[in-house]
Amino acid sequence: MIPSVRQNFNASFTEEIYQHYLSYIDNSYPNALDFRIAETPIFIDAAFGSLMLELGNYVNEQILAADFKNNTQASLAGQPITPNENEYPHCLVMDFAIALDEKNNLVPKLIELQGFPSLFAFELLQEQALSNTFSLPENYSPFLNGYTKEKYLAHLKQVIVGTKGEHTVLLELYPHQQKTRIDFYCTKKYLGIPIVCITELIQKGRELFYIKNGAPIKIERLYNRIVMDELNRQPDAIQAMGKILLSDLDISWVTHPHHFFRISKFLLPLLNHPLIPKTQFVHALKSIPKNLEAYILKPLFSFAGQGVIIDIQPGDIASLRNPAQWILQEKVKYAECIETPSGPAKAEIRLFYFWDETKQQYIATFNLARLSKGLMIGVDYNKNKQWVGGSLAYFEKF
């Protein structure tokens, strides 16, 4: 996005440096990296970064509004109800497309958001690999709002582990088989918390345990990484094990399962901002738009782009089994703004927001980025392409 910075980076790039970058990550956790890493970070100027934060602040104001819980109650319809929902999630993330407005100016557009964790720990390793491999410009940082690695790690520990000395575990479904498992390993290293599969949980009354070295260990806090959509696609026996989480348990959640639904694509139709694409619940449509080519059809609670329909046909909407579980969103015009040796790339930036107990607000702390040369951001749309995949955005300090 910043021509001089981009030109300098591309001019100094070599395949040997890139392989060294990948080796730095792989040597830290051999064979754990299961997604493509892009050849380059993204460099964001101060004006664009400021717009992102302004848009994020608007969204956070809606989440903290007095009527938020009532307005999002319908997101839980048909979902399993888990007791002891806390008021707000400890963390959330927002995905911004680097897009073009009507005047072809670069602007951030909010694509999705989640009241759910992301690669909070892995990105620290990726930043370390980048800074130890490439010559990066001064006055740029992947951290926001004055955060440093040390400040971020301290806040991350506060968010996940808490402040009461509770015994916390990272909970996932078959964690060592997940594509994001390298983040789990980084989390264990940085925060010292064990990784536990949902199949290992043992319930005794209102208490949860797992077995370590033959002895039961009580769990007091769950760093919840389970995506319900994935759990619901498991065999009945595994789904039955998952129902343990629907009990009235003596635990605290990071984040509570309800927040996955409340703060999600479900929230987009309730937001009104020029940098948020117009979004409608399909079941609330008065009529099907004639210009369907200007829209994208998304299931509310899928993940990793699953089920998204880009080129909508009229019959696609009519054939939906449950229209209340779908949204129709205006297409965003992604900017092919990142020059690479193999053609320009598009990008999204995900900002990490942590709850600040003192300020009683969410703070943007860190990020991840994804580069694409396909129709969508994601592995399936970028096969056999280079200069695509996971990365970091470096923001001009402002």
Protein backbone atom coordinates (compact mmCIF):
# COMPACT_ATOMS: atom_id res chain seq x y z
CA MET A 1 0.00 0.00 0.00
CA ILE A 2 2.99 2.30 0.52
CA PRO A 3 4.88 2.27 -2.80
CA SER A 4 8.38 3.01 -1.51
CA VAL A 5 8.15 0.45 1.31
CA ARG A 6 6.69 -2.17 -1.03
CA GLN A 7 9.33 -1.57 -3.68
CA ASN A 8 12.16 -1.84 -1.16
CA PHE A 9 10.78 -5.07 0.30
CA ASN A 10 10.21 -6.71 -3.10
CA ALA A 11 13.65 -5.65 -4.37
CA SER A 12 15.40 -7.29 -1.42
CA PHE A 13 13.27 -10.47 -1.45
CA THR A 14 14.81 -13.80 -2.36
CA GLU A 15 13.48 -17.34 -2.22
CA GLU A 16 16.35 -18.21 0.11
CA ILE A 17 15.22 -15.58 2.63
CA TYR A 18 11.64 -16.85 2.41
CA GLN A 19 12.73 -20.43 3.11
CA HIS A 20 14.73 -19.18 6.09
CA TYR A 21 11.55 -17.46 7.33
CA LEU A 22 9.57 -20.70 7.06
CA SER A 23 12.37 -22.67 8.69
CA TYR A 24 12.36 -20.32 11.67
CA ILE A 25 8.70 -21.23 12.30
CA ASP A 26 9.09 -24.93 11.54
CA ASN A 27 12.16 -25.28 13.73
CA SER A 28 10.16 -23.89 16.64
CA TYR A 29 7.39 -26.49 16.23
CA PRO A 30 8.40 -29.11 13.64
CA ASN A 31 5.61 -30.19 11.27
CA ALA A 32 2.99 -28.18 13.17
CA LEU A 33 2.49 -25.47 10.56
CA ASP A 34 -0.47 -26.65 8.46
CA PHE A 35 -1.38 -23.56 6.41
CA ARG A 36 0.48 -21.48 3.87
CA ILE A 37 2.55 -18.51 5.02
CA ALA A 38 2.74 -15.59 2.59
CA GLU A 39 6.08 -14.31 1.33
CA THR A 40 5.42 -10.80 2.62
CA PRO A 41 3.83 -8.79 5.39
CA ILE A 42 1.44 -5.93 4.57
CA PHE A 43 2.44 -2.33 5.25
CA ILE A 44 -0.40 -0.01 6.27
CA ASP A 45 -0.18 3.77 6.30
CA ALA A 46 -1.34 5.86 9.25
CA ALA A 47 -4.51 7.16 7.56
CA PHE A 48 -5.78 3.68 6.71
CA GLY A 49 -4.89 2.35 10.15
CA SER A 50 -6.75 5.21 11.79
CA LEU A 51 -9.87 4.42 9.70
CA MET A 52 -9.74 0.79 10.82
CA LEU A 53 -9.62 1.77 14.48
CA GLU A 54 -12.47 4.28 14.06
CA LEU A 55 -14.62 1.60 12.45
CA GLY A 56 -13.71 -0.89 15.16
CA ASN A 57 -14.65 1.63 17.84
CA TYR A 58 -18.08 2.05 16.26
CA VAL A 59 -18.67 -1.70 16.34
CA ASN A 60 -17.52 -1.95 19.94
CA GLU A 61 -19.95 0.80 20.94
CA GLN A 62 -22.80 -1.32 19.58
CA ILE A 63 -21.59 -4.40 21.45
CA LEU A 64 -21.41 -2.46 24.72
CA ALA A 65 -24.83 -0.84 24.23
CA ALA A 66 -27.52 -1.61 26.79
CA ASP A 67 -29.78 -3.34 24.26
CA PHE A 68 -27.07 -5.56 22.73
CA LYS A 69 -28.02 -8.73 24.56
CA ASN A 70 -31.69 -8.35 23.76
CA ASN A 71 -30.97 -7.53 20.10
CA THR A 72 -28.80 -10.62 19.67
CA GLN A 73 -30.91 -13.10 21.63
CA ALA A 74 -32.31 -14.50 18.38
CA SER A 75 -28.80 -15.64 17.43
CA LEU A 76 -29.18 -18.42 20.02
CA ALA A 77 -32.39 -19.79 18.47
CA GLY A 78 -31.89 -23.49 17.80
CA GLN A 79 -28.47 -23.46 19.49
CA PRO A 80 -27.59 -25.41 22.64
CA ILE A 81 -27.84 -23.20 25.71
CA THR A 82 -24.84 -23.14 28.02
CA PRO A 83 -25.31 -21.80 31.56
CA ASN A 84 -23.29 -19.00 33.17
CA GLU A 85 -22.90 -16.66 30.23
CA ASN A 86 -20.75 -13.69 31.21
CA GLU A 87 -21.70 -10.17 30.13
CA TYR A 88 -19.06 -9.68 27.42
CA PRO A 89 -16.38 -11.88 25.85
CA HIS A 90 -12.83 -11.31 27.03
CA CYS A 91 -11.69 -11.04 23.42
CA LEU A 92 -13.08 -10.60 19.94
CA VAL A 93 -11.76 -10.18 16.42
CA MET A 94 -12.79 -8.14 13.39
CA ASP A 95 -11.95 -8.85 9.75
CA PHE A 96 -11.38 -5.86 7.48
CA ALA A 97 -11.01 -6.09 3.72
CA ILE A 98 -8.65 -3.68 2.03
CA ALA A 99 -11.26 -2.41 -0.40
CA LEU A 100 -12.03 0.30 -2.93
CA ASP A 101 -14.84 2.80 -2.40
CA GLU A 102 -16.94 4.42 -5.13
CA LYS A 103 -14.09 6.84 -5.89
CA ASN A 104 -11.48 4.04 -5.98
CA ASN A 105 -9.94 5.15 -2.70
CA LEU A 106 -8.50 2.46 -0.43
CA VAL A 107 -10.76 1.95 2.59
CA PRO A 108 -11.25 -0.76 5.22
CA LYS A 109 -14.55 -2.66 4.97
CA LEU A 110 -15.77 -4.80 7.87
CA ILE A 111 -16.40 -8.26 6.44
CA GLU A 112 -16.93 -10.40 9.53
CA LEU A 113 -16.42 -10.41 13.29
CA GLN A 114 -16.23 -13.08 15.96
CA GLY A 115 -16.66 -13.19 19.73
CA PHE A 116 -14.14 -16.00 19.65
CA PRO A 117 -10.34 -16.40 19.88
CA SER A 118 -7.97 -16.39 16.92
CA LEU A 119 -4.25 -17.08 16.43
CA PHE A 120 -3.37 -14.86 19.36
CA ALA A 121 -0.20 -16.73 20.32
CA PHE A 122 1.06 -17.91 16.93
CA GLU A 123 1.23 -14.35 15.63
CA LEU A 124 3.89 -13.59 18.23
CA LEU A 125 6.00 -16.36 16.74
CA GLN A 126 5.31 -15.13 13.22
CA GLU A 127 6.32 -11.60 14.17
CA GLN A 128 9.53 -12.94 15.66
CA ALA A 129 10.23 -14.94 12.49
CA LEU A 130 9.61 -11.90 10.29
CA SER A 131 11.76 -9.53 12.31
CA ASN A 132 14.60 -12.05 12.48
CA THR A 133 14.51 -12.77 8.75
CA PHE A 134 13.59 -9.64 6.81
CA SER A 135 14.77 -6.04 6.91
CA LEU A 136 11.56 -4.27 7.94
CA PRO A 137 10.98 -0.50 7.80
CA GLU A 138 11.37 1.59 10.92
CA ASN A 139 8.37 3.34 12.47
CA TYR A 140 6.09 0.39 11.63
CA SER A 141 4.67 -2.11 14.10
CA PRO A 142 2.20 -5.01 14.02
CA PHE A 143 1.00 -3.86 17.45
CA LEU A 144 -1.61 -1.14 17.95
CA ASN A 145 -2.43 1.50 20.56
CA GLY A 146 1.11 1.62 21.91
CA TYR A 147 1.31 -2.11 22.60
CA THR A 148 4.61 -3.93 22.54
CA LYS A 149 5.31 -7.67 22.59
CA GLU A 150 5.67 -7.52 26.37
CA LYS A 151 2.51 -5.51 26.94
CA TYR A 152 0.55 -7.69 24.53
CA LEU A 153 1.71 -10.92 26.15
CA ALA A 154 0.81 -9.58 29.61
CA HIS A 155 -2.69 -8.64 28.43
CA LEU A 156 -3.09 -11.97 26.61
CA LYS A 157 -2.25 -13.81 29.82
CA GLN A 158 -4.76 -11.71 31.72
CA VAL A 159 -7.44 -12.46 29.12
CA ILE A 160 -6.87 -16.20 28.90
CA VAL A 161 -5.55 -17.23 32.31
CA GLY A 162 -7.33 -14.54 34.33
CA THR A 163 -6.20 -12.83 37.50
CA LYS A 164 -7.42 -15.25 40.18
CA GLY A 165 -4.93 -18.06 39.69
CA GLU A 166 -7.55 -20.38 38.23
CA HIS A 167 -6.36 -23.60 36.61
CA THR A 168 -6.92 -22.92 32.92
CA VAL A 169 -6.85 -25.36 30.00
CA LEU A 170 -7.07 -24.82 26.26
CA LEU A 171 -10.07 -26.87 25.16
CA GLU A 172 -10.46 -28.11 21.59
CA LEU A 173 -11.79 -31.03 19.60
CA TYR A 174 -8.86 -33.26 18.58
CA PRO A 175 -6.44 -30.35 19.04
CA HIS A 176 -3.41 -32.10 17.55
CA GLN A 177 -5.30 -32.66 14.29
CA GLN A 178 -6.43 -29.06 13.82
CA LYS A 179 -4.88 -26.85 11.14
CA THR A 180 -4.39 -24.19 13.82
CA ARG A 181 -2.60 -26.53 16.23
CA ILE A 182 0.61 -24.49 16.04
CA ASP A 183 -1.27 -21.69 17.82
CA PHE A 184 -2.18 -24.12 20.60
CA TYR A 185 1.46 -25.07 21.03
CA CYS A 186 2.47 -21.41 21.13
CA THR A 187 -0.22 -20.73 23.70
CA LYS A 188 1.06 -23.56 25.88
CA LYS A 189 4.60 -22.21 25.63
CA TYR A 190 3.80 -18.54 26.28
CA LEU A 191 1.16 -19.05 28.98
CA GLY A 192 1.97 -22.46 30.42
CA ILE A 193 -1.53 -23.89 30.03
CA PRO A 194 -2.24 -27.50 29.04
CA ILE A 195 -4.05 -28.52 25.84
CA VAL A 196 -7.06 -30.76 26.49
CA CYS A 197 -9.39 -32.52 24.06
CA ILE A 198 -13.09 -32.42 24.82
CA THR A 199 -13.06 -36.25 24.82
CA GLU A 200 -10.76 -36.13 27.88
CA LEU A 201 -13.15 -34.20 30.13
CA ILE A 202 -14.54 -35.86 33.24
CA GLN A 203 -17.51 -34.39 35.12
CA LYS A 204 -18.13 -34.85 38.82
CA GLY A 205 -21.16 -32.87 39.89
CA ARG A 206 -20.48 -29.24 38.89
CA GLU A 207 -16.74 -29.81 38.54
CA LEU A 208 -14.64 -30.68 35.49
CA PHE A 209 -11.42 -32.70 35.49
CA TYR A 210 -8.86 -34.18 33.11
CA ILE A 211 -6.26 -36.82 33.84
CA LYS A 212 -2.56 -35.96 34.01
CA ASN A 213 0.04 -38.56 34.98
CA GLY A 214 -2.75 -40.79 36.24
CA ALA A 215 -4.24 -38.18 38.57
CA PRO A 216 -7.40 -36.06 38.10
CA ILE A 217 -6.73 -32.32 37.73
CA LYS A 218 -9.58 -29.90 38.37
CA ILE A 219 -10.35 -27.38 35.62
CA GLU A 220 -11.45 -23.93 36.75
CA ARG A 221 -11.25 -21.95 33.51
CA LEU A 222 -11.75 -22.98 29.87
CA TYR A 223 -9.96 -21.25 27.03
CA ASN A 224 -12.60 -22.41 24.60
CA ARG A 225 -11.41 -23.10 21.03
CA ILE A 226 -14.26 -25.41 20.02
CA VAL A 227 -16.27 -24.32 16.98
CA MET A 228 -19.78 -25.65 17.49
CA ASP A 229 -20.34 -26.10 13.75
CA GLU A 230 -17.43 -28.54 13.71
CA LEU A 231 -18.58 -30.35 16.86
CA ASN A 232 -22.07 -30.75 15.40
CA ARG A 233 -20.62 -32.60 12.40
CA GLN A 234 -18.98 -35.26 14.55
CA PRO A 235 -20.34 -38.80 15.16
CA ASP A 236 -23.09 -39.06 17.75
CA ALA A 237 -20.71 -40.44 20.39
CA ILE A 238 -18.46 -37.37 20.15
CA GLN A 239 -21.42 -34.98 20.14
CA ALA A 240 -22.67 -36.70 23.29
CA MET A 241 -19.32 -35.97 24.96
CA GLY A 242 -19.69 -32.35 23.95
CA LYS A 243 -22.94 -32.07 25.87
CA ILE A 244 -20.92 -32.00 29.07
CA LEU A 245 -20.43 -28.30 28.34
CA LEU A 246 -24.18 -27.70 28.59
CA SER A 247 -24.13 -28.52 32.30
CA ASP A 248 -24.15 -25.94 35.08
CA LEU A 249 -20.43 -26.11 35.75
CA ASP A 250 -18.24 -24.38 38.30
CA ILE A 251 -15.94 -22.86 35.65
CA SER A 252 -15.30 -19.55 33.91
CA TRP A 253 -15.22 -19.23 30.11
CA VAL A 254 -12.91 -17.54 27.61
CA THR A 255 -15.04 -17.10 25.55
CA HIS A 256 -18.49 -18.36 26.48
CA PRO A 257 -20.09 -20.44 23.69
CA HIS A 258 -22.96 -17.95 23.33
CA HIS A 259 -20.57 -15.20 22.29
CA PHE A 260 -19.62 -17.18 19.18
CA PHE A 261 -23.20 -16.63 18.01
CA ARG A 262 -23.98 -13.17 19.38
CA ILE A 263 -20.83 -11.55 17.97
CA SER A 264 -20.72 -13.01 14.48
CA LYS A 265 -22.17 -12.43 11.04
CA PHE A 266 -25.49 -12.26 12.89
CA LEU A 267 -24.51 -8.79 14.10
CA LEU A 268 -23.81 -7.34 10.64
CA PRO A 269 -27.44 -6.58 9.67
CA LEU A 270 -27.79 -4.64 12.93
CA LEU A 271 -24.88 -2.31 12.11
CA ASN A 272 -25.15 0.86 10.07
CA HIS A 273 -21.92 2.44 8.89
CA PRO A 274 -20.63 3.53 5.47
CA LEU A 275 -17.66 1.17 5.79
CA ILE A 276 -19.82 -1.87 6.58
CA PRO A 277 -21.37 -3.59 3.54
CA LYS A 278 -25.15 -3.58 3.59
CA THR A 279 -26.23 -6.91 5.04
CA GLN A 280 -29.71 -8.43 5.40
CA PHE A 281 -31.12 -11.56 7.00
CA VAL A 282 -32.43 -13.70 4.15
CA HIS A 283 -35.66 -14.54 5.98
CA ALA A 284 -36.37 -10.80 6.35
CA LEU A 285 -36.02 -10.00 2.64
CA LYS A 286 -39.13 -8.36 1.21
CA SER A 287 -38.05 -9.45 -2.26
CA ILE A 288 -35.00 -11.03 -3.87
CA PRO A 289 -32.77 -8.33 -5.40
CA LYS A 290 -32.61 -8.38 -9.18
CA ASN A 291 -28.89 -7.60 -9.19
CA LEU A 292 -27.79 -10.72 -7.31
CA GLU A 293 -24.35 -10.41 -8.86
CA ALA A 294 -23.77 -7.52 -6.43
CA TYR A 295 -24.26 -9.76 -3.38
CA ILE A 296 -22.77 -12.75 -1.61
CA LEU A 297 -24.73 -15.38 0.32
CA LYS A 298 -23.30 -16.54 3.65
CA PRO A 299 -24.39 -19.01 6.34
CA LEU A 300 -24.43 -17.28 9.71
CA PHE A 301 -22.27 -19.55 11.79
CA SER A 302 -19.98 -21.46 9.45
CA PHE A 303 -16.24 -20.92 9.66
CA ALA A 304 -13.29 -20.77 7.22
CA GLY A 305 -15.54 -19.63 4.38
CA GLN A 306 -17.52 -22.87 4.31
CA GLY A 307 -20.89 -22.72 2.54
CA VAL A 308 -20.41 -19.22 1.09
CA ILE A 309 -22.06 -18.71 -2.33
CA ILE A 310 -20.32 -16.05 -4.42
CA ASP A 311 -22.16 -16.27 -7.74
CA ILE A 312 -25.75 -16.39 -6.52
CA GLN A 313 -28.54 -17.77 -8.67
CA PRO A 314 -32.22 -16.99 -7.83
CA GLY A 315 -32.79 -20.65 -7.02
CA ASP A 316 -30.03 -20.58 -4.37
CA ILE A 317 -32.09 -18.35 -2.10
CA ALA A 318 -35.38 -20.11 -2.78
CA SER A 319 -33.88 -23.50 -1.95
CA LEU A 320 -32.44 -22.54 1.44
CA ARG A 321 -33.81 -24.88 4.11
CA ASN A 322 -33.51 -22.34 6.91
CA PRO A 323 -33.32 -18.75 5.56
CA ALA A 324 -33.03 -17.41 9.13
CA GLN A 325 -29.54 -18.94 9.23
CA TRP A 326 -28.30 -16.97 6.21
CA ILE A 327 -27.37 -13.41 5.31
CA LEU A 328 -27.21 -11.58 2.00
CA GLN A 329 -24.26 -9.20 1.99
CA GLU A 330 -23.18 -6.62 -0.55
CA LYS A 331 -20.03 -7.69 -2.34
CA VAL A 332 -16.94 -5.75 -1.46
CA LYS A 333 -14.60 -4.59 -4.19
CA TYR A 334 -11.25 -5.84 -2.95
CA ALA A 335 -8.28 -3.75 -3.97
CA GLU A 336 -5.49 -5.58 -5.76
CA CYS A 337 -3.12 -3.32 -3.93
CA ILE A 338 -0.17 -5.48 -2.97
CA GLU A 339 2.34 -5.71 -5.78
CA THR A 340 4.13 -9.05 -6.00
CA PRO A 341 6.47 -10.64 -8.55
CA SER A 342 3.62 -12.92 -9.67
CA GLY A 343 0.87 -10.30 -9.92
CA PRO A 344 -1.08 -8.16 -7.44
CA ALA A 345 -2.69 -9.63 -4.33
CA LYS A 346 -5.75 -8.73 -2.27
CA ALA A 347 -5.81 -8.82 1.50
CA GLU A 348 -7.82 -8.86 4.72
CA ILE A 349 -6.60 -7.78 8.13
CA ARG A 350 -7.94 -9.25 11.36
CA LEU A 351 -7.60 -7.02 14.41
CA PHE A 352 -7.39 -8.61 17.86
CA TYR A 353 -9.44 -6.83 20.54
CA PHE A 354 -8.95 -7.53 24.25
CA TRP A 355 -11.22 -6.40 27.06
CA ASP A 356 -9.63 -3.78 29.32
CA GLU A 357 -11.15 -4.16 32.76
CA THR A 358 -9.88 -0.77 33.96
CA LYS A 359 -11.12 1.22 30.97
CA GLN A 360 -14.22 -0.96 30.52
CA GLN A 361 -13.72 -1.13 26.77
CA TYR A 362 -12.13 -3.22 24.03
CA ILE A 363 -8.62 -2.32 22.91
CA ALA A 364 -7.16 -3.22 19.51
CA THR A 365 -3.83 -4.87 20.32
CA PHE A 366 -2.37 -6.94 17.49
CA ASN A 367 -3.37 -8.53 14.18
CA LEU A 368 -3.04 -11.13 11.51
CA ALA A 369 -3.35 -10.68 7.75
CA ARG A 370 -4.23 -12.92 4.83
CA LEU A 371 -3.27 -12.43 1.19
CA SER A 372 -5.21 -13.84 -1.73
CA LYS A 373 -5.18 -13.96 -5.51
CA GLY A 374 -8.40 -15.96 -5.73
CA LEU A 375 -12.10 -15.16 -5.52
CA MET A 376 -11.97 -15.44 -1.74
CA ILE A 377 -9.48 -15.38 1.09
CA GLY A 378 -8.71 -19.01 1.81
CA VAL A 379 -6.63 -22.03 0.85
CA ASP A 380 -9.21 -23.53 -1.50
CA TYR A 381 -9.22 -20.37 -3.63
CA ASN A 382 -5.44 -19.95 -3.72
CA LYS A 383 -4.08 -23.35 -4.64
CA ASN A 384 -0.78 -23.38 -6.52
CA LYS A 385 -0.37 -19.61 -6.06
CA GLN A 386 2.53 -17.69 -4.53
CA TRP A 387 2.62 -14.58 -2.35
CA VAL A 388 -0.64 -15.67 -0.73
CA GLY A 389 -1.51 -17.03 2.71
CA GLY A 390 -1.16 -16.00 6.34
CA SER A 391 0.81 -12.93 7.29
CA LEU A 392 0.97 -9.86 9.52
CA ALA A 393 0.14 -6.20 8.92
CA TYR A 394 2.70 -3.61 9.99
CA PHE A 395 1.11 -0.25 10.77
CA GLU A 396 2.80 3.09 10.35
CA LYS A 397 2.94 4.47 13.87
CA PHE A 398 0.49 7.29 14.51
